[in-house]
Amino acid sequence: FLSAMDSFVSEIGGTTSMNEINYKGFYIHAVYGEHIKLALFLSKPASQSLKERLAYFLNHFEEHYHDQILSFKDIGNTAIFDKERIIELVKEILSV
């Protein structure tokens, strides 16, 4: 779904990647890193503060989980990630 949306936005918008789009009453805000993409599905547009926190989270995640991300790309096993710590980071950085 996200890949299709990303491709669609790139084709019609002339940009290389989707940042925010309104689709069926949802606002989808995405950020792109070197190895991963993150997207938030929101009921209203993302504030500038939330956009900045999401970008920070992406950079933090890629920096601290670099080896696990590369392993995941090879084997596809999510068990290599510490899900409890990631949930804590999401709550801490994104304030959700």
N, C-alpha and C. Protein backbone atom coordinates (compact mmCIF):
# COMPACT_ATOMS: atom_id res chain seq x y z
N PHE A 1 0.82 -1.20 0.00
CA PHE A 1 0.00 0.00 0.00
C PHE A 1 0.87 1.26 0.00
N LEU A 2 1.83 1.33 0.93
CA LEU A 2 2.69 2.51 1.01
C LEU A 2 3.56 2.66 -0.23
N SER A 3 4.05 1.55 -0.75
CA SER A 3 4.85 1.61 -1.98
C SER A 3 4.02 2.14 -3.13
N ALA A 4 2.79 1.67 -3.24
CA ALA A 4 1.90 2.14 -4.30
C ALA A 4 1.61 3.63 -4.13
N MET A 5 1.34 4.06 -2.91
CA MET A 5 1.08 5.48 -2.66
C MET A 5 2.31 6.32 -2.98
N ASP A 6 3.47 5.84 -2.56
CA ASP A 6 4.73 6.54 -2.81
C ASP A 6 4.97 6.68 -4.31
N SER A 7 4.77 5.62 -5.05
CA SER A 7 4.96 5.65 -6.51
C SER A 7 3.96 6.61 -7.15
N PHE A 8 2.72 6.54 -6.71
CA PHE A 8 1.68 7.40 -7.26
C PHE A 8 2.01 8.87 -7.04
N VAL A 9 2.38 9.22 -5.81
CA VAL A 9 2.73 10.61 -5.50
C VAL A 9 3.93 11.06 -6.31
N SER A 10 4.92 10.20 -6.45
CA SER A 10 6.12 10.54 -7.23
C SER A 10 5.76 10.82 -8.68
N GLU A 11 4.87 9.99 -9.25
CA GLU A 11 4.50 10.15 -10.65
C GLU A 11 3.71 11.43 -10.90
N ILE A 12 2.74 11.73 -10.04
CA ILE A 12 1.90 12.90 -10.30
C ILE A 12 2.48 14.19 -9.74
N GLY A 13 3.29 14.06 -8.71
CA GLY A 13 3.78 15.26 -8.05
C GLY A 13 5.15 15.72 -8.48
N GLY A 14 5.86 14.88 -9.20
CA GLY A 14 7.19 15.25 -9.64
C GLY A 14 8.23 15.22 -8.54
N THR A 15 7.89 14.69 -7.38
CA THR A 15 8.86 14.59 -6.30
C THR A 15 9.41 13.18 -6.26
N THR A 16 10.50 12.99 -5.58
CA THR A 16 11.10 11.66 -5.52
C THR A 16 10.51 10.81 -4.42
N SER A 17 9.79 11.42 -3.46
CA SER A 17 9.20 10.63 -2.39
C SER A 17 8.03 11.37 -1.75
N MET A 18 7.14 10.57 -1.20
CA MET A 18 5.97 11.12 -0.53
C MET A 18 6.38 11.67 0.84
N ASN A 19 5.86 12.83 1.18
CA ASN A 19 6.04 13.34 2.53
C ASN A 19 4.72 13.35 3.27
N GLU A 20 3.69 13.91 2.62
CA GLU A 20 2.38 13.91 3.27
C GLU A 20 1.32 13.91 2.19
N ILE A 21 0.30 13.11 2.43
CA ILE A 21 -0.82 13.03 1.49
C ILE A 21 -2.10 12.82 2.29
N ASN A 22 -3.20 13.34 1.77
CA ASN A 22 -4.50 13.13 2.37
C ASN A 22 -5.20 12.05 1.54
N TYR A 23 -5.56 10.95 2.20
CA TYR A 23 -6.18 9.83 1.49
C TYR A 23 -7.35 9.30 2.31
N LYS A 24 -8.55 9.41 1.74
CA LYS A 24 -9.77 8.89 2.37
C LYS A 24 -9.93 9.35 3.82
N GLY A 25 -9.69 10.63 4.05
CA GLY A 25 -9.88 11.20 5.38
C GLY A 25 -8.71 11.02 6.33
N PHE A 26 -7.65 10.38 5.87
CA PHE A 26 -6.45 10.22 6.69
C PHE A 26 -5.32 11.04 6.10
N TYR A 27 -4.49 11.56 6.97
CA TYR A 27 -3.27 12.23 6.55
C TYR A 27 -2.14 11.24 6.78
N ILE A 28 -1.42 10.96 5.74
CA ILE A 28 -0.30 10.02 5.83
C ILE A 28 0.97 10.84 5.69
N HIS A 29 1.76 10.84 6.75
CA HIS A 29 3.03 11.57 6.73
C HIS A 29 4.15 10.56 6.74
N ALA A 30 5.09 10.69 5.81
CA ALA A 30 6.17 9.72 5.68
C ALA A 30 7.53 10.43 5.72
N VAL A 31 8.51 9.70 6.24
CA VAL A 31 9.91 10.15 6.20
C VAL A 31 10.75 8.98 5.71
N TYR A 32 11.87 9.33 5.10
CA TYR A 32 12.72 8.35 4.46
C TYR A 32 14.13 8.43 4.98
N GLY A 33 14.67 7.28 5.34
CA GLY A 33 16.06 7.19 5.77
C GLY A 33 16.88 6.47 4.72
N GLU A 34 18.07 6.11 5.12
CA GLU A 34 18.96 5.39 4.21
C GLU A 34 18.45 3.97 3.97
N HIS A 35 17.91 3.34 5.01
CA HIS A 35 17.49 1.94 4.91
C HIS A 35 16.01 1.71 5.16
N ILE A 36 15.32 2.66 5.78
CA ILE A 36 13.92 2.43 6.14
C ILE A 36 13.05 3.63 5.77
N LYS A 37 11.74 3.36 5.72
CA LYS A 37 10.72 4.38 5.54
C LYS A 37 9.77 4.26 6.72
N LEU A 38 9.32 5.40 7.23
CA LEU A 38 8.34 5.41 8.31
C LEU A 38 7.13 6.22 7.85
N ALA A 39 5.96 5.79 8.26
CA ALA A 39 4.74 6.52 7.92
C ALA A 39 3.82 6.58 9.12
N LEU A 40 3.19 7.71 9.29
CA LEU A 40 2.17 7.90 10.32
C LEU A 40 0.83 8.11 9.62
N PHE A 41 -0.20 7.45 10.10
CA PHE A 41 -1.56 7.66 9.62
C PHE A 41 -2.26 8.50 10.68
N LEU A 42 -2.69 9.70 10.29
CA LEU A 42 -3.22 10.68 11.24
C LEU A 42 -4.62 11.12 10.84
N SER A 43 -5.37 11.60 11.81
CA SER A 43 -6.71 12.12 11.53
C SER A 43 -6.68 13.59 11.15
N LYS A 44 -5.53 14.24 11.34
CA LYS A 44 -5.36 15.63 10.93
C LYS A 44 -3.91 15.80 10.49
N PRO A 45 -3.60 16.88 9.78
CA PRO A 45 -2.22 17.06 9.31
C PRO A 45 -1.22 17.08 10.46
N ALA A 46 -0.04 16.56 10.20
CA ALA A 46 1.02 16.54 11.21
C ALA A 46 1.51 17.95 11.48
N SER A 47 1.72 18.26 12.75
CA SER A 47 2.29 19.56 13.11
C SER A 47 3.77 19.55 12.74
N GLN A 48 4.35 20.71 12.67
CA GLN A 48 5.78 20.80 12.37
C GLN A 48 6.60 20.08 13.44
N SER A 49 6.18 20.20 14.67
CA SER A 49 6.86 19.53 15.77
C SER A 49 6.84 18.01 15.60
N LEU A 50 5.69 17.45 15.22
CA LEU A 50 5.59 16.01 15.02
C LEU A 50 6.45 15.57 13.83
N LYS A 51 6.46 16.36 12.77
CA LYS A 51 7.30 16.04 11.61
C LYS A 51 8.77 15.99 12.01
N GLU A 52 9.19 16.94 12.82
CA GLU A 52 10.58 16.98 13.28
C GLU A 52 10.90 15.80 14.18
N ARG A 53 9.96 15.46 15.08
CA ARG A 53 10.19 14.31 15.98
C ARG A 53 10.23 13.00 15.21
N LEU A 54 9.40 12.86 14.17
CA LEU A 54 9.42 11.65 13.36
C LEU A 54 10.75 11.53 12.62
N ALA A 55 11.25 12.62 12.07
CA ALA A 55 12.54 12.61 11.39
C ALA A 55 13.66 12.26 12.37
N TYR A 56 13.58 12.82 13.58
CA TYR A 56 14.58 12.51 14.61
C TYR A 56 14.52 11.02 14.97
N PHE A 57 13.30 10.50 15.14
CA PHE A 57 13.15 9.08 15.48
C PHE A 57 13.76 8.21 14.39
N LEU A 58 13.48 8.53 13.14
CA LEU A 58 14.04 7.75 12.04
C LEU A 58 15.56 7.74 12.08
N ASN A 59 16.16 8.92 12.25
CA ASN A 59 17.63 9.00 12.32
C ASN A 59 18.18 8.23 13.52
N HIS A 60 17.53 8.39 14.66
CA HIS A 60 17.95 7.68 15.88
C HIS A 60 17.85 6.17 15.67
N PHE A 61 16.74 5.72 15.10
CA PHE A 61 16.52 4.29 14.88
C PHE A 61 17.57 3.72 13.93
N GLU A 62 17.81 4.40 12.82
CA GLU A 62 18.80 3.89 11.87
C GLU A 62 20.20 3.87 12.46
N GLU A 63 20.51 4.86 13.27
CA GLU A 63 21.83 4.92 13.89
C GLU A 63 22.02 3.81 14.93
N HIS A 64 21.02 3.61 15.79
CA HIS A 64 21.16 2.66 16.89
C HIS A 64 20.84 1.21 16.51
N TYR A 65 20.11 1.02 15.43
CA TYR A 65 19.72 -0.34 15.02
C TYR A 65 20.27 -0.68 13.63
N HIS A 66 21.36 -0.05 13.25
CA HIS A 66 21.92 -0.24 11.91
C HIS A 66 22.17 -1.71 11.59
N ASP A 67 22.86 -2.42 12.47
CA ASP A 67 23.19 -3.82 12.22
C ASP A 67 21.93 -4.69 12.14
N GLN A 68 20.97 -4.42 13.03
CA GLN A 68 19.73 -5.20 13.01
C GLN A 68 18.93 -4.93 11.74
N ILE A 69 18.93 -3.69 11.27
CA ILE A 69 18.21 -3.34 10.03
C ILE A 69 18.81 -4.13 8.86
N LEU A 70 20.13 -4.14 8.78
CA LEU A 70 20.78 -4.87 7.70
C LEU A 70 20.50 -6.37 7.79
N SER A 71 20.52 -6.90 9.00
CA SER A 71 20.19 -8.32 9.18
C SER A 71 18.74 -8.60 8.79
N PHE A 72 17.84 -7.71 9.20
CA PHE A 72 16.43 -7.87 8.86
C PHE A 72 16.24 -7.88 7.35
N LYS A 73 16.94 -7.02 6.64
CA LYS A 73 16.82 -6.98 5.18
C LYS A 73 17.25 -8.31 4.56
N ASP A 74 18.18 -9.01 5.19
CA ASP A 74 18.65 -10.30 4.69
C ASP A 74 17.73 -11.46 5.07
N ILE A 75 17.29 -11.47 6.35
CA ILE A 75 16.56 -12.65 6.84
C ILE A 75 15.08 -12.42 7.08
N GLY A 76 14.66 -11.15 7.23
CA GLY A 76 13.24 -10.84 7.43
C GLY A 76 12.67 -11.23 8.78
N ASN A 77 13.50 -11.41 9.78
CA ASN A 77 13.04 -11.83 11.11
C ASN A 77 12.99 -10.63 12.05
N THR A 78 11.79 -10.24 12.46
CA THR A 78 11.63 -9.08 13.34
C THR A 78 12.07 -9.36 14.77
N ALA A 79 12.29 -10.63 15.12
CA ALA A 79 12.69 -10.98 16.49
C ALA A 79 14.06 -10.42 16.87
N ILE A 80 14.83 -9.97 15.89
CA ILE A 80 16.15 -9.42 16.20
C ILE A 80 16.06 -8.04 16.83
N PHE A 81 14.87 -7.42 16.77
CA PHE A 81 14.67 -6.10 17.37
C PHE A 81 14.10 -6.24 18.78
N ASP A 82 14.51 -5.35 19.66
CA ASP A 82 13.98 -5.30 21.02
C ASP A 82 12.68 -4.48 20.99
N LYS A 83 11.55 -5.18 20.80
CA LYS A 83 10.29 -4.47 20.60
C LYS A 83 9.90 -3.60 21.79
N GLU A 84 10.20 -4.04 23.00
CA GLU A 84 9.86 -3.25 24.18
C GLU A 84 10.62 -1.92 24.19
N ARG A 85 11.90 -1.97 23.84
CA ARG A 85 12.71 -0.75 23.80
C ARG A 85 12.23 0.17 22.67
N ILE A 86 11.85 -0.40 21.54
CA ILE A 86 11.37 0.41 20.42
C ILE A 86 10.07 1.09 20.79
N ILE A 87 9.18 0.39 21.47
CA ILE A 87 7.93 1.00 21.93
C ILE A 87 8.22 2.16 22.87
N GLU A 88 9.18 1.97 23.78
CA GLU A 88 9.58 3.05 24.69
C GLU A 88 10.09 4.25 23.89
N LEU A 89 10.91 4.00 22.88
CA LEU A 89 11.45 5.10 22.06
C LEU A 89 10.34 5.84 21.33
N VAL A 90 9.39 5.11 20.79
CA VAL A 90 8.27 5.74 20.08
C VAL A 90 7.51 6.65 21.05
N LYS A 91 7.20 6.13 22.22
CA LYS A 91 6.47 6.94 23.20
C LYS A 91 7.28 8.14 23.65
N GLU A 92 8.57 7.94 23.86
CA GLU A 92 9.44 9.01 24.34
C GLU A 92 9.65 10.10 23.29
N ILE A 93 9.98 9.70 22.09
CA ILE A 93 10.34 10.68 21.05
C ILE A 93 9.10 11.28 20.37
N LEU A 94 8.12 10.44 20.07
CA LEU A 94 6.94 10.94 19.36
C LEU A 94 5.84 11.43 20.30
N SER A 95 6.01 11.17 21.59
CA SER A 95 5.02 11.60 22.60
C SER A 95 3.64 11.05 22.32
N VAL A 96 3.58 9.74 22.08
CA VAL A 96 2.28 9.10 21.85
C VAL A 96 1.99 8.10 22.96
